[in-house]
Amino acid sequence: MKHTTPAEVEAMLKNKQPINIIDVREVDEVKEGKIPGAVHIPLGLLEFRMHELDKSTEYTMVCRSGGRSGMASKLLESHGYKVINMTGGMMAWEGSTE
């Protein structure tokens, strides 16, 4: 499984590099703020909504601390998706939120 850091994700956003972020936290967690442009798909719904994703696109998975996004990454990888887990999650995020 590939990994990235919150600082690397923030740098990509600042440099306007293409990045597809999926936030797998629960609804109440996302209400506190998410990375701008991130798509919210709670981990419990990911298996049922993965058909909405494109296997030719790479996705960066985000959660609160990195554990659930790691599980989400493993799930998607096992179905042929390209994913990167953001270690440290939103607890380590220092960038802006929406």
N, C-alpha and C. Protein backbone atom coordinates (compact mmCIF):
# COMPACT_ATOMS: atom_id res chain seq x y z
N MET A 1 0.84 -1.18 0.00
CA MET A 1 0.00 0.00 0.00
C MET A 1 0.89 1.25 0.00
N LYS A 2 0.55 2.19 -0.86
CA LYS A 2 1.28 3.45 -0.91
C LYS A 2 0.81 4.36 0.22
N HIS A 3 1.71 5.23 0.66
CA HIS A 3 1.40 6.19 1.72
C HIS A 3 1.80 7.59 1.29
N THR A 4 1.13 8.58 1.87
CA THR A 4 1.50 9.98 1.70
C THR A 4 1.30 10.66 3.04
N THR A 5 1.81 11.86 3.17
CA THR A 5 1.66 12.60 4.42
C THR A 5 0.70 13.77 4.20
N PRO A 6 0.12 14.29 5.28
CA PRO A 6 -0.73 15.48 5.14
C PRO A 6 0.02 16.64 4.49
N ALA A 7 1.30 16.81 4.81
CA ALA A 7 2.08 17.90 4.21
C ALA A 7 2.20 17.73 2.69
N GLU A 8 2.39 16.49 2.24
CA GLU A 8 2.49 16.23 0.80
C GLU A 8 1.16 16.51 0.10
N VAL A 9 0.06 16.12 0.73
CA VAL A 9 -1.27 16.38 0.16
C VAL A 9 -1.52 17.88 0.09
N GLU A 10 -1.18 18.59 1.17
CA GLU A 10 -1.37 20.04 1.19
C GLU A 10 -0.54 20.72 0.10
N ALA A 11 0.69 20.26 -0.11
CA ALA A 11 1.55 20.83 -1.15
C ALA A 11 0.95 20.60 -2.53
N MET A 12 0.38 19.42 -2.76
CA MET A 12 -0.26 19.14 -4.05
C MET A 12 -1.43 20.08 -4.29
N LEU A 13 -2.23 20.31 -3.25
CA LEU A 13 -3.37 21.21 -3.38
C LEU A 13 -2.91 22.65 -3.64
N LYS A 14 -1.90 23.10 -2.91
CA LYS A 14 -1.38 24.46 -3.09
C LYS A 14 -0.82 24.67 -4.49
N ASN A 15 -0.19 23.62 -5.04
CA ASN A 15 0.41 23.69 -6.37
C ASN A 15 -0.57 23.35 -7.48
N LYS A 16 -1.83 23.19 -7.10
CA LYS A 16 -2.91 22.89 -8.05
C LYS A 16 -2.65 21.61 -8.85
N GLN A 17 -1.96 20.64 -8.21
CA GLN A 17 -1.73 19.35 -8.85
C GLN A 17 -3.01 18.51 -8.73
N PRO A 18 -3.28 17.67 -9.70
CA PRO A 18 -4.49 16.85 -9.61
C PRO A 18 -4.39 15.84 -8.47
N ILE A 19 -5.42 15.82 -7.64
CA ILE A 19 -5.48 14.86 -6.54
C ILE A 19 -6.96 14.56 -6.27
N ASN A 20 -7.26 13.30 -6.06
CA ASN A 20 -8.63 12.86 -5.80
C ASN A 20 -8.67 12.30 -4.38
N ILE A 21 -9.30 13.04 -3.48
CA ILE A 21 -9.31 12.69 -2.07
C ILE A 21 -10.67 12.12 -1.69
N ILE A 22 -10.64 11.00 -0.98
CA ILE A 22 -11.87 10.41 -0.44
C ILE A 22 -11.74 10.39 1.08
N ASP A 23 -12.68 11.03 1.75
CA ASP A 23 -12.72 11.09 3.21
C ASP A 23 -13.67 10.01 3.69
N VAL A 24 -13.16 9.05 4.45
CA VAL A 24 -13.99 7.91 4.87
C VAL A 24 -14.49 8.03 6.31
N ARG A 25 -14.38 9.24 6.89
CA ARG A 25 -14.88 9.44 8.25
C ARG A 25 -16.41 9.45 8.27
N GLU A 26 -16.96 9.44 9.47
CA GLU A 26 -18.41 9.48 9.64
C GLU A 26 -18.92 10.90 9.43
N VAL A 27 -20.23 11.03 9.21
CA VAL A 27 -20.86 12.31 8.91
C VAL A 27 -20.54 13.37 9.97
N ASP A 28 -20.67 13.01 11.25
CA ASP A 28 -20.44 14.00 12.31
C ASP A 28 -18.98 14.47 12.35
N GLU A 29 -18.05 13.62 11.95
CA GLU A 29 -16.64 14.02 11.90
C GLU A 29 -16.39 14.99 10.76
N VAL A 30 -17.01 14.73 9.62
CA VAL A 30 -16.81 15.57 8.43
C VAL A 30 -17.43 16.95 8.65
N LYS A 31 -18.49 17.03 9.47
CA LYS A 31 -19.10 18.33 9.76
C LYS A 31 -18.11 19.29 10.41
N GLU A 32 -17.10 18.75 11.09
CA GLU A 32 -16.08 19.58 11.73
C GLU A 32 -15.10 20.14 10.72
N GLY A 33 -15.15 19.67 9.48
CA GLY A 33 -14.29 20.17 8.42
C GLY A 33 -13.60 19.04 7.68
N LYS A 34 -13.49 19.23 6.37
CA LYS A 34 -12.78 18.25 5.54
C LYS A 34 -11.84 18.99 4.61
N ILE A 35 -10.94 18.27 4.02
CA ILE A 35 -9.99 18.85 3.07
C ILE A 35 -10.80 19.37 1.87
N PRO A 36 -10.53 20.61 1.44
CA PRO A 36 -11.28 21.16 0.30
C PRO A 36 -11.23 20.25 -0.92
N GLY A 37 -12.40 19.98 -1.47
CA GLY A 37 -12.51 19.14 -2.67
C GLY A 37 -12.62 17.65 -2.39
N ALA A 38 -12.46 17.25 -1.14
CA ALA A 38 -12.55 15.82 -0.81
C ALA A 38 -13.98 15.33 -0.98
N VAL A 39 -14.12 14.11 -1.45
CA VAL A 39 -15.42 13.45 -1.58
C VAL A 39 -15.64 12.63 -0.31
N HIS A 40 -16.81 12.77 0.29
CA HIS A 40 -17.10 12.05 1.52
C HIS A 40 -17.84 10.75 1.22
N ILE A 41 -17.21 9.63 1.54
CA ILE A 41 -17.84 8.31 1.47
C ILE A 41 -17.47 7.60 2.77
N PRO A 42 -18.40 7.53 3.74
CA PRO A 42 -18.07 6.84 5.00
C PRO A 42 -17.58 5.42 4.75
N LEU A 43 -16.63 4.98 5.57
CA LEU A 43 -16.03 3.66 5.39
C LEU A 43 -17.09 2.56 5.28
N GLY A 44 -18.13 2.64 6.10
CA GLY A 44 -19.18 1.61 6.09
C GLY A 44 -19.96 1.54 4.78
N LEU A 45 -19.90 2.60 3.98
CA LEU A 45 -20.62 2.63 2.70
C LEU A 45 -19.70 2.42 1.50
N LEU A 46 -18.41 2.40 1.74
CA LEU A 46 -17.44 2.35 0.63
C LEU A 46 -17.64 1.14 -0.26
N GLU A 47 -17.86 -0.02 0.33
CA GLU A 47 -18.03 -1.24 -0.46
C GLU A 47 -19.23 -1.13 -1.40
N PHE A 48 -20.28 -0.42 -0.95
CA PHE A 48 -21.49 -0.28 -1.74
C PHE A 48 -21.42 0.86 -2.75
N ARG A 49 -20.45 1.77 -2.56
CA ARG A 49 -20.33 2.92 -3.46
C ARG A 49 -19.08 2.89 -4.33
N MET A 50 -18.26 1.84 -4.21
CA MET A 50 -17.02 1.81 -4.98
C MET A 50 -17.27 1.82 -6.48
N HIS A 51 -18.46 1.41 -6.91
CA HIS A 51 -18.78 1.44 -8.34
C HIS A 51 -18.80 2.88 -8.88
N GLU A 52 -18.89 3.87 -7.98
CA GLU A 52 -18.88 5.28 -8.39
C GLU A 52 -17.47 5.75 -8.73
N LEU A 53 -16.47 4.96 -8.37
CA LEU A 53 -15.07 5.33 -8.57
C LEU A 53 -14.52 4.75 -9.87
N ASP A 54 -13.49 5.39 -10.39
CA ASP A 54 -12.87 4.99 -11.66
C ASP A 54 -11.56 4.25 -11.36
N LYS A 55 -11.43 3.04 -11.84
CA LYS A 55 -10.22 2.25 -11.57
C LYS A 55 -8.97 2.82 -12.22
N SER A 56 -9.13 3.72 -13.19
CA SER A 56 -7.95 4.31 -13.82
C SER A 56 -7.49 5.58 -13.08
N THR A 57 -8.22 5.97 -12.05
CA THR A 57 -7.89 7.16 -11.27
C THR A 57 -7.26 6.75 -9.94
N GLU A 58 -6.27 7.50 -9.49
CA GLU A 58 -5.65 7.22 -8.19
C GLU A 58 -6.36 8.07 -7.13
N TYR A 59 -6.69 7.44 -6.00
CA TYR A 59 -7.41 8.10 -4.92
C TYR A 59 -6.56 8.16 -3.66
N THR A 60 -6.62 9.28 -2.97
CA THR A 60 -5.95 9.44 -1.68
C THR A 60 -7.01 9.31 -0.60
N MET A 61 -6.82 8.34 0.27
CA MET A 61 -7.80 8.03 1.32
C MET A 61 -7.44 8.76 2.61
N VAL A 62 -8.47 9.35 3.26
CA VAL A 62 -8.28 10.14 4.46
C VAL A 62 -9.30 9.76 5.52
N CYS A 63 -8.86 9.72 6.79
CA CYS A 63 -9.78 9.55 7.92
C CYS A 63 -9.28 10.41 9.08
N ARG A 64 -9.64 10.07 10.29
CA ARG A 64 -9.23 10.88 11.44
C ARG A 64 -7.76 10.71 11.76
N SER A 65 -7.27 9.44 11.79
CA SER A 65 -5.88 9.21 12.19
C SER A 65 -5.08 8.35 11.23
N GLY A 66 -5.72 7.75 10.26
CA GLY A 66 -5.02 6.91 9.27
C GLY A 66 -5.41 5.45 9.31
N GLY A 67 -6.11 5.01 10.36
CA GLY A 67 -6.49 3.60 10.49
C GLY A 67 -7.60 3.20 9.54
N ARG A 68 -8.71 3.94 9.57
CA ARG A 68 -9.83 3.60 8.69
C ARG A 68 -9.48 3.82 7.23
N SER A 69 -8.69 4.86 6.95
CA SER A 69 -8.29 5.07 5.55
C SER A 69 -7.38 3.94 5.09
N GLY A 70 -6.62 3.35 6.01
CA GLY A 70 -5.81 2.18 5.67
C GLY A 70 -6.68 0.99 5.32
N MET A 71 -7.75 0.79 6.10
CA MET A 71 -8.70 -0.30 5.80
C MET A 71 -9.39 -0.04 4.46
N ALA A 72 -9.77 1.21 4.22
CA ALA A 72 -10.41 1.57 2.96
C ALA A 72 -9.46 1.33 1.79
N SER A 73 -8.19 1.67 1.99
CA SER A 73 -7.19 1.46 0.93
C SER A 73 -7.06 -0.02 0.60
N LYS A 74 -6.99 -0.86 1.62
CA LYS A 74 -6.88 -2.31 1.40
C LYS A 74 -8.10 -2.84 0.67
N LEU A 75 -9.29 -2.37 1.06
CA LEU A 75 -10.53 -2.81 0.40
C LEU A 75 -10.51 -2.45 -1.08
N LEU A 76 -10.21 -1.18 -1.37
CA LEU A 76 -10.21 -0.75 -2.77
C LEU A 76 -9.10 -1.43 -3.57
N GLU A 77 -7.92 -1.57 -2.98
CA GLU A 77 -6.82 -2.27 -3.68
C GLU A 77 -7.22 -3.69 -4.04
N SER A 78 -7.93 -4.36 -3.14
CA SER A 78 -8.33 -5.74 -3.40
C SER A 78 -9.34 -5.84 -4.54
N HIS A 79 -9.94 -4.71 -4.92
CA HIS A 79 -10.88 -4.68 -6.04
C HIS A 79 -10.27 -4.00 -7.28
N GLY A 80 -8.95 -3.79 -7.25
CA GLY A 80 -8.27 -3.28 -8.44
C GLY A 80 -8.16 -1.78 -8.55
N TYR A 81 -8.43 -1.03 -7.47
CA TYR A 81 -8.32 0.43 -7.51
C TYR A 81 -6.92 0.85 -7.10
N LYS A 82 -6.51 2.04 -7.58
CA LYS A 82 -5.21 2.62 -7.22
C LYS A 82 -5.45 3.61 -6.08
N VAL A 83 -4.82 3.34 -4.94
CA VAL A 83 -5.06 4.18 -3.77
C VAL A 83 -3.77 4.51 -3.02
N ILE A 84 -3.83 5.62 -2.29
CA ILE A 84 -2.75 6.05 -1.41
C ILE A 84 -3.39 6.37 -0.07
N ASN A 85 -2.80 5.91 1.02
CA ASN A 85 -3.31 6.21 2.35
C ASN A 85 -2.58 7.42 2.92
N MET A 86 -3.34 8.43 3.38
CA MET A 86 -2.74 9.60 4.03
C MET A 86 -2.52 9.26 5.50
N THR A 87 -1.26 9.02 5.87
CA THR A 87 -0.94 8.67 7.25
C THR A 87 -1.14 9.86 8.17
N GLY A 88 -1.57 9.59 9.38
CA GLY A 88 -1.80 10.66 10.35
C GLY A 88 -3.19 11.26 10.28
N GLY A 89 -3.84 11.12 9.12
CA GLY A 89 -5.21 11.58 8.96
C GLY A 89 -5.42 13.05 9.27
N MET A 90 -6.66 13.39 9.57
CA MET A 90 -7.04 14.77 9.83
C MET A 90 -6.44 15.28 11.14
N MET A 91 -6.06 14.38 12.03
CA MET A 91 -5.40 14.83 13.27
C MET A 91 -4.06 15.50 12.96
N ALA A 92 -3.43 15.12 11.86
CA ALA A 92 -2.15 15.70 11.47
C ALA A 92 -2.30 16.77 10.39
N TRP A 93 -3.52 17.00 9.93
CA TRP A 93 -3.76 17.98 8.85
C TRP A 93 -3.61 19.40 9.38
N GLU A 94 -2.79 20.21 8.72
CA GLU A 94 -2.60 21.59 9.13
C GLU A 94 -3.13 22.57 8.10
N GLY A 95 -3.62 22.05 6.98
CA GLY A 95 -4.12 22.90 5.92
C GLY A 95 -5.54 23.38 6.19
N SER A 96 -6.09 24.07 5.20
CA SER A 96 -7.43 24.61 5.36
C SER A 96 -8.48 23.49 5.26
N THR A 97 -9.66 23.77 5.77
CA THR A 97 -10.78 22.83 5.68
C THR A 97 -12.00 23.58 5.18
N GLU A 98 -12.96 22.79 4.73
CA GLU A 98 -14.24 23.38 4.29
C GLU A 98 -15.37 22.70 5.00
